N, C-alpha and C. Protein backbone atom coordinates (compact mmCIF):
# COMPACT_ATOMS: atom_id res chain seq x y z
N MET A 1 17.64 3.56 5.62
CA MET A 1 17.15 2.69 6.66
C MET A 1 16.64 3.50 7.85
N LYS A 2 17.36 4.60 8.17
CA LYS A 2 16.94 5.44 9.28
C LYS A 2 15.56 6.03 9.02
N ASN A 3 15.32 6.49 7.76
CA ASN A 3 14.01 7.05 7.42
C ASN A 3 12.92 5.99 7.54
N ALA A 4 13.22 4.77 7.14
CA ALA A 4 12.24 3.68 7.22
C ALA A 4 11.88 3.42 8.68
N CYS A 5 12.86 3.41 9.55
CA CYS A 5 12.59 3.19 10.98
C CYS A 5 11.74 4.32 11.55
N CYS A 6 12.04 5.55 11.16
CA CYS A 6 11.25 6.69 11.64
C CYS A 6 9.81 6.59 11.16
N ILE A 7 9.63 6.20 9.91
CA ILE A 7 8.27 6.05 9.37
C ILE A 7 7.53 4.96 10.14
N VAL A 8 8.18 3.82 10.34
CA VAL A 8 7.56 2.70 11.04
C VAL A 8 7.15 3.11 12.45
N LEU A 9 8.04 3.75 13.17
CA LEU A 9 7.72 4.15 14.54
C LEU A 9 6.63 5.21 14.59
N ALA A 10 6.69 6.17 13.69
CA ALA A 10 5.68 7.24 13.68
C ALA A 10 4.30 6.69 13.34
N VAL A 11 4.24 5.83 12.33
CA VAL A 11 2.95 5.28 11.93
C VAL A 11 2.42 4.34 13.01
N ALA A 12 3.29 3.54 13.60
CA ALA A 12 2.84 2.64 14.68
C ALA A 12 2.25 3.45 15.83
N PHE A 13 2.90 4.52 16.19
CA PHE A 13 2.40 5.37 17.26
C PHE A 13 1.08 6.03 16.86
N LEU A 14 1.03 6.58 15.67
CA LEU A 14 -0.17 7.29 15.23
C LEU A 14 -1.36 6.37 15.02
N THR A 15 -1.14 5.17 14.50
CA THR A 15 -2.26 4.27 14.26
C THR A 15 -2.77 3.64 15.54
N ALA A 16 -1.98 3.66 16.60
CA ALA A 16 -2.44 3.13 17.88
C ALA A 16 -3.42 4.08 18.57
N CYS A 17 -3.38 5.32 18.17
CA CYS A 17 -4.29 6.32 18.76
C CYS A 17 -5.69 6.16 18.18
N LYS A 18 -6.66 6.63 18.91
CA LYS A 18 -8.05 6.52 18.48
C LYS A 18 -8.50 7.70 17.62
N HIS A 19 -7.65 8.70 17.45
CA HIS A 19 -8.02 9.84 16.63
C HIS A 19 -7.46 9.68 15.22
N LYS A 20 -7.89 10.55 14.32
CA LYS A 20 -7.43 10.48 12.93
C LYS A 20 -5.92 10.70 12.86
N THR A 21 -5.26 9.85 12.08
CA THR A 21 -3.82 9.93 11.92
C THR A 21 -3.45 11.18 11.15
N SER A 22 -2.42 11.90 11.60
CA SER A 22 -1.90 13.05 10.88
C SER A 22 -0.66 12.62 10.11
N PHE A 23 -0.70 12.79 8.81
CA PHE A 23 0.41 12.38 7.97
C PHE A 23 1.34 13.54 7.63
N ASP A 24 0.96 14.76 8.03
CA ASP A 24 1.71 15.95 7.67
C ASP A 24 3.13 15.96 8.21
N SER A 25 3.34 15.40 9.38
CA SER A 25 4.66 15.45 10.01
C SER A 25 5.60 14.33 9.55
N LEU A 26 5.11 13.41 8.75
CA LEU A 26 5.93 12.29 8.29
C LEU A 26 6.66 12.63 6.99
N ASN A 27 7.79 11.99 6.77
CA ASN A 27 8.49 12.17 5.49
C ASN A 27 7.58 11.76 4.36
N GLU A 28 7.64 12.51 3.26
CA GLU A 28 6.78 12.20 2.12
C GLU A 28 7.19 10.88 1.48
N VAL A 29 6.20 10.04 1.24
CA VAL A 29 6.41 8.77 0.55
C VAL A 29 6.13 9.03 -0.92
N SER A 30 7.04 8.58 -1.76
CA SER A 30 6.96 8.83 -3.20
C SER A 30 6.40 7.61 -3.93
N TYR A 31 5.46 7.85 -4.83
CA TYR A 31 4.92 6.75 -5.63
C TYR A 31 6.04 6.11 -6.46
N SER A 32 6.78 6.91 -7.21
CA SER A 32 7.79 6.34 -8.12
C SER A 32 8.96 5.70 -7.38
N ARG A 33 9.38 6.27 -6.27
CA ARG A 33 10.52 5.74 -5.52
C ARG A 33 10.15 4.61 -4.56
N ASP A 34 9.01 4.74 -3.88
CA ASP A 34 8.68 3.82 -2.79
C ASP A 34 7.57 2.81 -3.12
N ILE A 35 6.52 3.26 -3.78
CA ILE A 35 5.33 2.42 -3.95
C ILE A 35 5.39 1.58 -5.22
N SER A 36 5.72 2.21 -6.34
CA SER A 36 5.75 1.49 -7.62
C SER A 36 6.63 0.24 -7.57
N PRO A 37 7.85 0.30 -6.99
CA PRO A 37 8.66 -0.93 -6.91
C PRO A 37 8.01 -2.05 -6.09
N ILE A 38 7.31 -1.69 -5.03
CA ILE A 38 6.62 -2.70 -4.21
C ILE A 38 5.53 -3.36 -5.03
N ILE A 39 4.70 -2.56 -5.69
CA ILE A 39 3.59 -3.07 -6.47
C ILE A 39 4.09 -3.89 -7.65
N SER A 40 5.11 -3.37 -8.35
CA SER A 40 5.64 -4.06 -9.53
C SER A 40 6.20 -5.44 -9.21
N SER A 41 6.90 -5.55 -8.09
CA SER A 41 7.55 -6.82 -7.78
C SER A 41 6.66 -7.79 -7.00
N ASN A 42 5.53 -7.32 -6.47
CA ASN A 42 4.70 -8.20 -5.66
C ASN A 42 3.27 -8.39 -6.17
N CYS A 43 2.82 -7.52 -7.06
CA CYS A 43 1.40 -7.54 -7.43
C CYS A 43 1.15 -7.47 -8.93
N ALA A 44 1.87 -6.61 -9.63
CA ALA A 44 1.57 -6.27 -11.01
C ALA A 44 2.35 -7.13 -12.00
N PHE A 45 2.01 -8.40 -12.06
CA PHE A 45 2.64 -9.27 -13.04
C PHE A 45 1.60 -10.24 -13.58
N SER A 46 1.93 -10.90 -14.65
CA SER A 46 0.99 -11.80 -15.31
C SER A 46 0.47 -12.85 -14.35
N GLY A 47 -0.83 -13.07 -14.39
CA GLY A 47 -1.46 -14.04 -13.51
C GLY A 47 -1.99 -13.44 -12.23
N CYS A 48 -1.59 -12.23 -11.93
CA CYS A 48 -2.11 -11.56 -10.73
C CYS A 48 -2.80 -10.26 -11.16
N HIS A 49 -2.14 -9.15 -10.97
CA HIS A 49 -2.74 -7.86 -11.29
C HIS A 49 -1.98 -7.15 -12.40
N GLY A 50 -1.48 -7.92 -13.36
CA GLY A 50 -0.82 -7.37 -14.54
C GLY A 50 -1.80 -7.17 -15.67
N THR A 51 -1.29 -6.69 -16.79
CA THR A 51 -2.17 -6.40 -17.93
C THR A 51 -2.86 -7.65 -18.46
N SER A 52 -2.21 -8.80 -18.37
CA SER A 52 -2.84 -10.02 -18.87
C SER A 52 -3.31 -10.92 -17.73
N GLY A 53 -3.38 -10.35 -16.56
CA GLY A 53 -3.78 -11.13 -15.39
C GLY A 53 -5.26 -11.45 -15.39
N HIS A 54 -5.62 -12.44 -14.62
CA HIS A 54 -7.01 -12.87 -14.52
C HIS A 54 -7.75 -12.16 -13.38
N ARG A 55 -7.06 -11.32 -12.67
CA ARG A 55 -7.66 -10.63 -11.54
C ARG A 55 -8.42 -9.39 -12.01
N LYS A 56 -9.20 -8.85 -11.13
CA LYS A 56 -10.08 -7.72 -11.42
C LYS A 56 -9.32 -6.43 -11.73
N PHE A 57 -8.21 -6.19 -11.08
CA PHE A 57 -7.52 -4.91 -11.18
C PHE A 57 -6.18 -5.04 -11.87
N ASP A 58 -5.89 -4.09 -12.77
CA ASP A 58 -4.58 -3.96 -13.41
C ASP A 58 -3.79 -2.94 -12.60
N LEU A 59 -2.77 -3.38 -11.91
CA LEU A 59 -1.98 -2.50 -11.06
C LEU A 59 -0.64 -2.13 -11.67
N THR A 60 -0.52 -2.24 -12.99
CA THR A 60 0.74 -1.93 -13.66
C THR A 60 0.96 -0.44 -13.85
N THR A 61 -0.06 0.38 -13.64
CA THR A 61 0.07 1.83 -13.78
C THR A 61 -0.48 2.52 -12.54
N TYR A 62 -0.11 3.76 -12.39
CA TYR A 62 -0.64 4.58 -11.29
C TYR A 62 -2.15 4.67 -11.38
N GLU A 63 -2.67 4.92 -12.57
CA GLU A 63 -4.11 5.04 -12.77
C GLU A 63 -4.82 3.74 -12.43
N GLY A 64 -4.24 2.62 -12.84
CA GLY A 64 -4.82 1.32 -12.51
C GLY A 64 -4.83 1.06 -11.02
N LEU A 65 -3.78 1.48 -10.35
CA LEU A 65 -3.70 1.32 -8.90
C LEU A 65 -4.81 2.13 -8.22
N LEU A 66 -5.04 3.35 -8.69
CA LEU A 66 -6.13 4.16 -8.12
C LEU A 66 -7.48 3.50 -8.36
N ARG A 67 -7.70 2.99 -9.57
CA ARG A 67 -8.96 2.28 -9.87
C ARG A 67 -9.06 0.99 -9.07
N GLY A 68 -7.92 0.44 -8.67
CA GLY A 68 -7.90 -0.81 -7.93
C GLY A 68 -8.29 -0.69 -6.48
N GLY A 69 -8.64 0.48 -6.06
CA GLY A 69 -9.14 0.59 -4.70
C GLY A 69 -8.36 1.48 -3.78
N ILE A 70 -8.01 2.68 -4.23
CA ILE A 70 -7.33 3.65 -3.38
C ILE A 70 -8.30 4.78 -3.09
N THR A 71 -8.49 5.07 -1.82
CA THR A 71 -9.24 6.26 -1.41
C THR A 71 -8.20 7.21 -0.83
N ALA A 72 -7.75 8.15 -1.67
CA ALA A 72 -6.67 9.07 -1.29
C ALA A 72 -7.00 9.75 0.04
N GLY A 73 -6.03 9.70 0.95
CA GLY A 73 -6.20 10.31 2.27
C GLY A 73 -6.82 9.39 3.30
N SER A 74 -7.24 8.20 2.89
CA SER A 74 -7.93 7.30 3.82
C SER A 74 -7.51 5.84 3.61
N PRO A 75 -6.38 5.44 4.16
CA PRO A 75 -5.92 4.06 3.98
C PRO A 75 -6.93 3.02 4.46
N GLU A 76 -7.59 3.30 5.57
CA GLU A 76 -8.54 2.34 6.14
C GLU A 76 -9.73 2.09 5.22
N ASN A 77 -10.00 3.02 4.30
CA ASN A 77 -11.10 2.87 3.34
C ASN A 77 -10.61 2.50 1.95
N SER A 78 -9.35 2.11 1.84
CA SER A 78 -8.75 1.75 0.56
C SER A 78 -8.62 0.24 0.45
N GLN A 79 -9.21 -0.31 -0.58
CA GLN A 79 -9.20 -1.76 -0.75
C GLN A 79 -7.78 -2.31 -0.84
N VAL A 80 -6.89 -1.58 -1.47
CA VAL A 80 -5.50 -2.06 -1.57
C VAL A 80 -4.91 -2.27 -0.18
N TYR A 81 -5.04 -1.28 0.70
CA TYR A 81 -4.49 -1.41 2.04
C TYR A 81 -5.20 -2.49 2.86
N THR A 82 -6.53 -2.49 2.83
CA THR A 82 -7.26 -3.47 3.64
C THR A 82 -7.01 -4.90 3.16
N SER A 83 -6.73 -5.07 1.87
CA SER A 83 -6.39 -6.40 1.35
C SER A 83 -5.03 -6.87 1.86
N LEU A 84 -4.13 -5.94 2.07
CA LEU A 84 -2.80 -6.29 2.59
C LEU A 84 -2.87 -6.66 4.06
N LYS A 85 -3.82 -6.08 4.79
CA LYS A 85 -3.93 -6.29 6.23
C LYS A 85 -5.06 -7.24 6.63
N SER A 86 -5.69 -7.88 5.67
CA SER A 86 -6.83 -8.75 5.96
C SER A 86 -6.43 -9.89 6.90
N TYR A 87 -7.32 -10.22 7.82
CA TYR A 87 -7.09 -11.35 8.71
C TYR A 87 -7.45 -12.67 8.04
N SER A 88 -8.20 -12.58 6.98
CA SER A 88 -8.61 -13.77 6.24
C SER A 88 -7.56 -14.13 5.18
N GLU A 89 -7.06 -15.35 5.23
CA GLU A 89 -6.07 -15.76 4.23
C GLU A 89 -6.66 -15.77 2.83
N GLU A 90 -7.96 -15.96 2.70
CA GLU A 90 -8.62 -15.95 1.40
C GLU A 90 -8.60 -14.58 0.76
N ASN A 91 -8.61 -13.54 1.57
CA ASN A 91 -8.68 -12.17 1.07
C ASN A 91 -7.37 -11.40 1.15
N ARG A 92 -6.39 -11.90 1.91
CA ARG A 92 -5.13 -11.18 2.09
C ARG A 92 -4.28 -11.26 0.83
N MET A 93 -3.76 -10.11 0.45
CA MET A 93 -2.88 -10.03 -0.72
C MET A 93 -1.46 -9.81 -0.25
N PRO A 94 -0.51 -10.30 -1.01
CA PRO A 94 -0.63 -11.22 -2.13
C PRO A 94 -1.09 -12.60 -1.67
N LEU A 95 -1.79 -13.27 -2.56
CA LEU A 95 -2.27 -14.61 -2.27
C LEU A 95 -1.11 -15.58 -2.13
N LYS A 96 -1.32 -16.63 -1.36
CA LYS A 96 -0.33 -17.70 -1.31
C LYS A 96 -0.28 -18.36 -2.68
N PRO A 97 0.80 -18.82 -3.18
CA PRO A 97 2.08 -19.11 -2.53
C PRO A 97 3.06 -17.94 -2.56
N TYR A 98 2.61 -16.76 -2.98
CA TYR A 98 3.50 -15.61 -3.03
C TYR A 98 3.79 -15.10 -1.62
N ASP A 99 4.97 -14.50 -1.47
CA ASP A 99 5.36 -13.95 -0.17
C ASP A 99 4.50 -12.75 0.18
N GLN A 100 4.17 -12.64 1.45
CA GLN A 100 3.45 -11.46 1.94
C GLN A 100 4.41 -10.28 1.99
N LEU A 101 3.87 -9.08 1.92
CA LEU A 101 4.68 -7.89 2.03
C LEU A 101 5.18 -7.74 3.46
N SER A 102 6.32 -7.09 3.60
CA SER A 102 6.85 -6.83 4.94
C SER A 102 6.02 -5.73 5.59
N GLU A 103 6.11 -5.63 6.90
CA GLU A 103 5.40 -4.56 7.61
C GLU A 103 5.87 -3.19 7.13
N ASP A 104 7.16 -3.05 6.83
CA ASP A 104 7.69 -1.78 6.33
C ASP A 104 7.03 -1.43 4.99
N GLN A 105 6.89 -2.39 4.09
CA GLN A 105 6.25 -2.14 2.81
C GLN A 105 4.79 -1.75 2.99
N ILE A 106 4.09 -2.44 3.86
CA ILE A 106 2.68 -2.13 4.12
C ILE A 106 2.54 -0.74 4.74
N LEU A 107 3.44 -0.39 5.66
CA LEU A 107 3.38 0.93 6.27
C LEU A 107 3.67 2.03 5.26
N ARG A 108 4.58 1.78 4.34
CA ARG A 108 4.84 2.77 3.28
C ARG A 108 3.59 3.01 2.45
N ILE A 109 2.89 1.94 2.10
CA ILE A 109 1.65 2.07 1.34
C ILE A 109 0.62 2.83 2.17
N TYR A 110 0.52 2.51 3.44
CA TYR A 110 -0.40 3.18 4.35
C TYR A 110 -0.14 4.70 4.38
N VAL A 111 1.11 5.07 4.58
CA VAL A 111 1.48 6.48 4.65
C VAL A 111 1.24 7.16 3.31
N TRP A 112 1.62 6.51 2.22
CA TRP A 112 1.43 7.09 0.88
C TRP A 112 -0.06 7.39 0.64
N ILE A 113 -0.92 6.44 0.94
CA ILE A 113 -2.36 6.66 0.77
C ILE A 113 -2.81 7.80 1.69
N GLY A 114 -2.37 7.76 2.93
CA GLY A 114 -2.74 8.80 3.89
C GLY A 114 -2.28 10.19 3.48
N GLN A 115 -1.17 10.25 2.76
CA GLN A 115 -0.65 11.54 2.28
C GLN A 115 -1.32 11.97 0.97
N GLY A 116 -2.32 11.26 0.54
CA GLY A 116 -3.07 11.67 -0.64
C GLY A 116 -2.81 10.84 -1.88
N ALA A 117 -2.01 9.78 -1.77
CA ALA A 117 -1.71 8.88 -2.89
C ALA A 117 -1.29 9.64 -4.15
N LYS A 118 -0.34 10.56 -3.96
CA LYS A 118 0.12 11.40 -5.07
C LYS A 118 0.98 10.62 -6.05
N ASN A 119 0.91 11.04 -7.31
CA ASN A 119 1.75 10.46 -8.36
C ASN A 119 3.04 11.28 -8.41
N ASN A 120 3.90 11.03 -7.43
CA ASN A 120 5.16 11.78 -7.33
C ASN A 120 6.36 10.88 -7.42
């Protein structure tokens, strides 16, 4: 929990600045430990972004997630991140009636993409 709070505060501070965010000083976010569970439980299932889903992207694998709109090192240019932060309810993921991700989950995705979206 302490690490999550540090990540949230650091990213909030860094994203408020007008210069490029530096991700080097933040704790490393792990795909297998931090990102995959978020995607699996909120996005990558049947009917959404699973293998048999009707949506454009299969997010059940790391490779599928990258094809689904990740620009490593640039969260602001990554469709996955911008879909989570969209102001439009029509475009914001996950779609209703599913629960939206918490700010902590979105920040973890932001940091992971910013750190290069590594398969670690």
